[in-house]
Every structure is written in structure tokens, then in C-alpha cells.
C-alpha atoms as a PDB file:
ATOM      1  CA  UNK A   1      -0.095   0.185   0.082  1.00  0.00           C
ATOM      2  CA  UNK A   2       1.348   3.216  -0.910  1.00  0.00           C
ATOM      3  CA  UNK A   3       0.163   6.373   0.718  1.00  0.00           C
ATOM      4  CA  UNK A   4       1.451  10.177  -0.317  1.00  0.00           C
ATOM      5  CA  UNK A   5       1.541  12.853   2.356  1.00  0.00           C
ATOM      6  CA  UNK A   6       0.677  15.679  -0.486  1.00  0.00           C
ATOM      7  CA  UNK A   7      -2.517  17.003  -0.924  1.00  0.00           C
ATOM      8  CA  UNK A   8      -3.134  14.720  -3.670  1.00  0.00           C
ATOM      9  CA  UNK A   9      -3.442  11.270  -2.156  1.00  0.00           C
ATOM     10  CA  UNK A  10      -2.333   8.033  -4.451  1.00  0.00           C
ATOM     11  CA  UNK A  11      -3.295   5.006  -2.573  1.00  0.00           C
ATOM     12  CA  UNK A  12      -3.193   1.621  -4.097  1.00  0.00           C
ATOM     13  CA  UNK A  13      -3.366  -1.689  -2.152  1.00  0.00           C
ATOM     14  CA  UNK A  14      -0.825  -4.523  -3.817  1.00  0.00           C
ATOM     15  CA  UNK A  15      -0.162  -1.586  -6.016  1.00  0.00           C
ATOM     16  CA  UNK A  16      -3.033  -2.573  -8.006  1.00  0.00           C
ATOM     17  CA  UNK A  17      -5.486  -0.752  -8.771  1.00  0.00           C
ATOM     18  CA  UNK A  18      -5.496   2.097  -7.558  1.00  0.00           C
ATOM     19  CA  UNK A  19      -8.071   5.310  -6.875  1.00  0.00           C
ATOM     20  CA  UNK A  20      -6.854   8.902  -6.485  1.00  0.00           C
ATOM     21  CA  UNK A  21      -8.065  11.249  -3.840  1.00  0.00           C
ATOM     22  CA  UNK A  22      -7.706  15.328  -3.986  1.00  0.00           C
ATOM     23  CA  UNK A  23      -8.032  16.879  -0.637  1.00  0.00           C
ATOM     24  CA  UNK A  24      -7.403  19.123   1.024  1.00  0.00           C
ATOM     25  CA  UNK A  25      -8.501  18.497   5.291  1.00  0.00           C
ATOM     26  CA  UNK A  26      -6.822  21.748   6.603  1.00  0.00           C
ATOM     27  CA  UNK A  27      -8.741  24.623   5.497  1.00  0.00           C
ATOM     28  CA  UNK A  28      -8.377  28.514   6.140  1.00  0.00           C
ATOM     29  CA  UNK A  29      -6.192  29.879   9.304  1.00  0.00           C
ATOM     30  CA  UNK A  30      -9.832  31.263  11.219  1.00  0.00           C
ATOM     31  CA  UNK A  31      -7.971  32.247  14.912  1.00  0.00           C
ATOM     32  CA  UNK A  32      -4.549  33.517  15.931  1.00  0.00           C
ATOM     33  CA  UNK A  33      -3.448  34.051  19.776  1.00  0.00           C
ATOM     34  CA  UNK A  34      -0.832  35.234  21.836  1.00  0.00           C
ATOM     35  CA  UNK A  35      -0.776  35.221  25.523  1.00  0.00           C
ATOM     36  CA  UNK A  36      -0.105  33.843  28.502  1.00  0.00           C
ATOM     37  CA  UNK A  37      -0.865  31.638  31.082  1.00  0.00           C
ATOM     38  CA  UNK A  38      -2.086  32.966  34.366  1.00  0.00           C
ATOM     39  CA  UNK A  39      -2.390  30.665  36.670  1.00  0.00           C
ATOM     40  CA  UNK A  40      -2.040  26.645  37.364  1.00  0.00           C
ATOM     41  CA  UNK A  41      -3.238  24.193  40.642  1.00  0.00           C
ATOM     42  CA  UNK A  42      -3.304  20.759  41.104  1.00  0.00           C
ATOM     43  CA  UNK A  43      -6.836  19.409  41.160  1.00  0.00           C
ATOM     44  CA  UNK A  44      -7.711  16.165  44.216  1.00  0.00           C
ATOM     45  CA  UNK A  45      -7.530  13.519  41.446  1.00  0.00           C
ATOM     46  CA  UNK A  46      -3.904  14.577  40.646  1.00  0.00           C
ATOM     47  CA  UNK A  47      -4.902  16.380  37.472  1.00  0.00           C
ATOM     48  CA  UNK A  48      -3.464  19.969  36.882  1.00  0.00           C
ATOM     49  CA  UNK A  49      -5.255  22.487  35.723  1.00  0.00           C
ATOM     50  CA  UNK A  50      -4.569  25.906  34.194  1.00  0.00           C
ATOM     51  CA  UNK A  51      -6.040  28.970  33.133  1.00  0.00           C
ATOM     52  CA  UNK A  52      -4.482  31.532  29.969  1.00  0.00           C
ATOM     53  CA  UNK A  53      -5.631  34.497  28.724  1.00  0.00           C
ATOM     54  CA  UNK A  54      -4.970  36.511  25.489  1.00  0.00           C
ATOM     55  CA  UNK A  55      -5.587  38.820  22.317  1.00  0.00           C
ATOM     56  CA  UNK A  56      -5.732  37.984  19.040  1.00  0.00           C
ATOM     57  CA  UNK A  57      -7.781  37.314  15.621  1.00  0.00           C
ATOM     58  CA  UNK A  58     -10.688  35.431  15.591  1.00  0.00           C
ATOM     59  CA  UNK A  59     -11.719  35.729  11.685  1.00  0.00           C
ATOM     60  CA  UNK A  60     -10.285  38.744  11.199  1.00  0.00           C
ATOM     61  CA  UNK A  61     -11.607  40.278  13.431  1.00  0.00           C
ATOM     62  CA  UNK A  62      -9.892  41.899  16.980  1.00  0.00           C
ATOM     63  CA  UNK A  63     -10.485  39.847  20.100  1.00  0.00           C
ATOM     64  CA  UNK A  64      -9.344  38.327  23.243  1.00  0.00           C
ATOM     65  CA  UNK A  65      -9.609  34.976  24.706  1.00  0.00           C
ATOM     66  CA  UNK A  66     -10.045  33.238  28.052  1.00  0.00           C
ATOM     67  CA  UNK A  67     -10.064  29.083  29.059  1.00  0.00           C
ATOM     68  CA  UNK A  68      -8.975  26.715  31.820  1.00  0.00           C
ATOM     69  CA  UNK A  69      -7.830  23.284  30.767  1.00  0.00           C
ATOM     70  CA  UNK A  70      -7.624  20.295  32.675  1.00  0.00           C
ATOM     71  CA  UNK A  71      -4.490  17.752  31.875  1.00  0.00           C
ATOM     72  CA  UNK A  72      -4.579  14.328  32.624  1.00  0.00           C
ATOM     73  CA  UNK A  73      -0.647  12.523  32.408  1.00  0.00           C
ATOM     74  CA  UNK A  74      -1.107   9.477  30.859  1.00  0.00           C
ATOM     75  CA  UNK A  75       1.802   6.551  31.569  1.00  0.00           C
ATOM     76  CA  UNK A  76       3.616   7.341  28.449  1.00  0.00           C
ATOM     77  CA  UNK A  77       4.303  11.200  29.160  1.00  0.00           C
ATOM     78  CA  UNK A  78       1.575  12.998  27.252  1.00  0.00           C
ATOM     79  CA  UNK A  79      -1.021  14.659  28.857  1.00  0.00           C
ATOM     80  CA  UNK A  80      -4.817  14.128  27.381  1.00  0.00           C
ATOM     81  CA  UNK A  81      -6.223  18.037  27.658  1.00  0.00           C
ATOM     82  CA  UNK A  82      -9.972  18.777  27.534  1.00  0.00           C
ATOM     83  CA  UNK A  83     -11.137  22.590  28.750  1.00  0.00           C
ATOM     84  CA  UNK A  84     -13.806  25.610  27.942  1.00  0.00           C
ATOM     85  CA  UNK A  85     -12.992  28.864  27.135  1.00  0.00           C
ATOM     86  CA  UNK A  86     -14.486  32.703  25.752  1.00  0.00           C
ATOM     87  CA  UNK A  87     -13.586  35.006  22.856  1.00  0.00           C
ATOM     88  CA  UNK A  88     -14.727  38.355  22.562  1.00  0.00           C
ATOM     89  CA  UNK A  89     -14.216  41.141  19.718  1.00  0.00           C
ATOM     90  CA  UNK A  90     -13.432  44.086  19.691  1.00  0.00           C
ATOM     91  CA  UNK A  91     -16.983  44.802  18.928  1.00  0.00           C
ATOM     92  CA  UNK A  92     -18.481  43.074  22.182  1.00  0.00           C
ATOM     93  CA  UNK A  93     -19.006  39.396  20.053  1.00  0.00           C
ATOM     94  CA  UNK A  94     -18.635  36.664  22.052  1.00  0.00           C
ATOM     95  CA  UNK A  95     -17.680  32.926  21.314  1.00  0.00           C
ATOM     96  CA  UNK A  96     -17.281  30.320  23.622  1.00  0.00           C
ATOM     97  CA  UNK A  97     -15.728  26.988  23.111  1.00  0.00           C
ATOM     98  CA  UNK A  98     -14.711  23.057  23.726  1.00  0.00           C
ATOM     99  CA  UNK A  99     -11.183  22.144  23.031  1.00  0.00           C
ATOM    100  CA  UNK A 100     -10.045  18.752  23.450  1.00  0.00           C
ATOM    101  CA  UNK A 101      -6.102  17.106  22.471  1.00  0.00           C
ATOM    102  CA  UNK A 102      -3.073  15.930  23.199  1.00  0.00           C
ATOM    103  CA  UNK A 103       0.503  17.739  24.870  1.00  0.00           C
ATOM    104  CA  UNK A 104       4.002  16.637  25.374  1.00  0.00           C
ATOM    105  CA  UNK A 105       7.047  18.144  27.080  1.00  0.00           C
ATOM    106  CA  UNK A 106       8.581  20.441  25.255  1.00  0.00           C
ATOM    107  CA  UNK A 107      11.709  21.640  27.402  1.00  0.00           C
ATOM    108  CA  UNK A 108      11.644  23.232  30.999  1.00  0.00           C
ATOM    109  CA  UNK A 109       9.040  24.500  32.901  1.00  0.00           C
ATOM    110  CA  UNK A 110       5.669  24.955  30.694  1.00  0.00           C
ATOM    111  CA  UNK A 111       7.340  24.576  27.315  1.00  0.00           C
ATOM    112  CA  UNK A 112       5.190  22.116  25.792  1.00  0.00           C
ATOM    113  CA  UNK A 113       3.538  21.409  22.402  1.00  0.00           C
ATOM    114  CA  UNK A 114      -0.131  20.537  22.479  1.00  0.00           C
ATOM    115  CA  UNK A 115      -2.550  19.529  18.884  1.00  0.00           C
ATOM    116  CA  UNK A 116      -6.287  19.229  19.119  1.00  0.00           C
ATOM    117  CA  UNK A 117     -10.139  19.974  17.969  1.00  0.00           C
ATOM    118  CA  UNK A 118     -12.035  22.874  19.046  1.00  0.00           C
ATOM    119  CA  UNK A 119     -16.064  23.402  18.435  1.00  0.00           C
ATOM    120  CA  UNK A 120     -17.455  27.140  18.873  1.00  0.00           C
ATOM    121  CA  UNK A 121     -20.663  27.807  20.448  1.00  0.00           C
ATOM    122  CA  UNK A 122     -21.983  31.160  19.696  1.00  0.00           C
ATOM    123  CA  UNK A 123     -25.289  33.607  19.036  1.00  0.00           C
ATOM    124  CA  UNK A 124     -23.159  36.563  16.748  1.00  0.00           C
ATOM    125  CA  UNK A 125     -25.037  36.965  12.957  1.00  0.00           C
ATOM    126  CA  UNK A 126     -20.714  38.038  11.901  1.00  0.00           C
ATOM    127  CA  UNK A 127     -19.433  35.211  13.844  1.00  0.00           C
ATOM    128  CA  UNK A 128     -22.098  32.487  13.570  1.00  0.00           C
ATOM    129  CA  UNK A 129     -20.139  30.710  10.485  1.00  0.00           C
ATOM    130  CA  UNK A 130     -18.610  29.143  13.401  1.00  0.00           C
ATOM    131  CA  UNK A 131     -20.603  26.625  14.820  1.00  0.00           C
ATOM    132  CA  UNK A 132     -20.760  24.905  11.846  1.00  0.00           C
ATOM    133  CA  UNK A 133     -16.765  24.265  11.535  1.00  0.00           C
ATOM    134  CA  UNK A 134     -14.243  21.884  13.520  1.00  0.00           C
ATOM    135  CA  UNK A 135     -11.034  23.655  14.116  1.00  0.00           C
ATOM    136  CA  UNK A 136      -7.849  21.985  14.462  1.00  0.00           C
ATOM    137  CA  UNK A 137      -5.718  23.580  16.658  1.00  0.00           C
ATOM    138  CA  UNK A 138      -1.750  23.914  17.597  1.00  0.00           C
ATOM    139  CA  UNK A 139      -0.299  24.996  20.868  1.00  0.00           C
ATOM    140  CA  UNK A 140       3.213  26.374  21.332  1.00  0.00           C
ATOM    141  CA  UNK A 141       3.950  27.200  25.347  1.00  0.00           C
ATOM    142  CA  UNK A 142       7.036  28.948  26.345  1.00  0.00           C
ATOM    143  CA  UNK A 143       8.837  28.468  29.288  1.00  0.00           C
ATOM    144  CA  UNK A 144       7.702  30.779  31.117  1.00  0.00           C
ATOM    145  CA  UNK A 145       3.959  30.307  30.133  1.00  0.00           C
ATOM    146  CA  UNK A 146       3.505  32.843  26.952  1.00  0.00           C
ATOM    147  CA  UNK A 147       1.633  31.022  24.651  1.00  0.00           C
ATOM    148  CA  UNK A 148       0.988  31.067  20.596  1.00  0.00           C
ATOM    149  CA  UNK A 149      -1.969  28.654  19.461  1.00  0.00           C
ATOM    150  CA  UNK A 150      -3.208  28.779  15.863  1.00  0.00           C
ATOM    151  CA  UNK A 151      -6.738  27.458  14.369  1.00  0.00           C
ATOM    152  CA  UNK A 152      -7.420  26.107  11.265  1.00  0.00           C
ATOM    153  CA  UNK A 153     -10.739  25.161   9.812  1.00  0.00           C
ATOM    154  CA  UNK A 154     -11.039  21.709   9.385  1.00  0.00           C
ATOM    155  CA  UNK A 155     -12.563  21.081   5.536  1.00  0.00           C
END
């Protein structure tokens, strides 16, 4: 079986017959935020909870973000992550989101890489298209808690 990793995929079993699929799974960048961890705590069950705040853009609009995530360390050293958050645009529109993913340490302190999916909920007319988007995200955390998160539409 051969599989190409480019946006044009050719799949063949036993090298013949084959079929080809043109696909682009990741769509446009819909959000990008920069910010900082604002709090961390250990929960009674041994999980960690982190809170984050930042600013950036959501669908091209200036916005702020606040989120809280719960991290469960797995035996493999990878963290399973789930959380909730809210974005507020400069015009006062709000979007709630739920997310989950996995992350791993990439250095000292809070330095980590995290990847996952996010689901949006809003009644704002100019942002209502988010309700039908599954976002895929990349989060890079620095040792001091500074972060950058980017979200793309999953087609």
C-alpha cells in the first residue's frame, strides 16, 4: 500500500488497482492568539488545571481569549487535555468553545506542544459560521507560560 502525504493522495493496495483522491483537510487559518498562563493548580484527583488569557484575531476580528484546561498525565508521558474558553471581539461579540487534545513537554518549566480539536458556539450573526466548523489547533507554550495558538478550519 502506498500513501502520499501531499494534498493529492494516491492509494493503492498491492500496487494495483489504485484510486486517487484530491483532498485538502486543513482549511483557512480562522484564529491566532498570543498570551500567557494566568494560573495553575493541582486538582484532588492528581490532574492539573491551567488558565490562560491572550489577544489576537478570530475570523479577522481583533479579539481576546480566556480558557481553562485540565491536563491528565498518561503513563506514556503525554497529557490528555480538555477545556473550555471564550473569545470576545472588540465589538463585544462572544464565542464559547470546547476543546480537547494531547500535549507533551518540549523543555523546562511550562514549555510544551499541544494539538487538538475545538468546537465553537455563538449566536453572534457575524460569527455564526463558527458553529459549523471543527477547528484543528496547534499550541506552543514557552517555559515562562507565554503561548501562541493557531486554529484552522477542518474541511
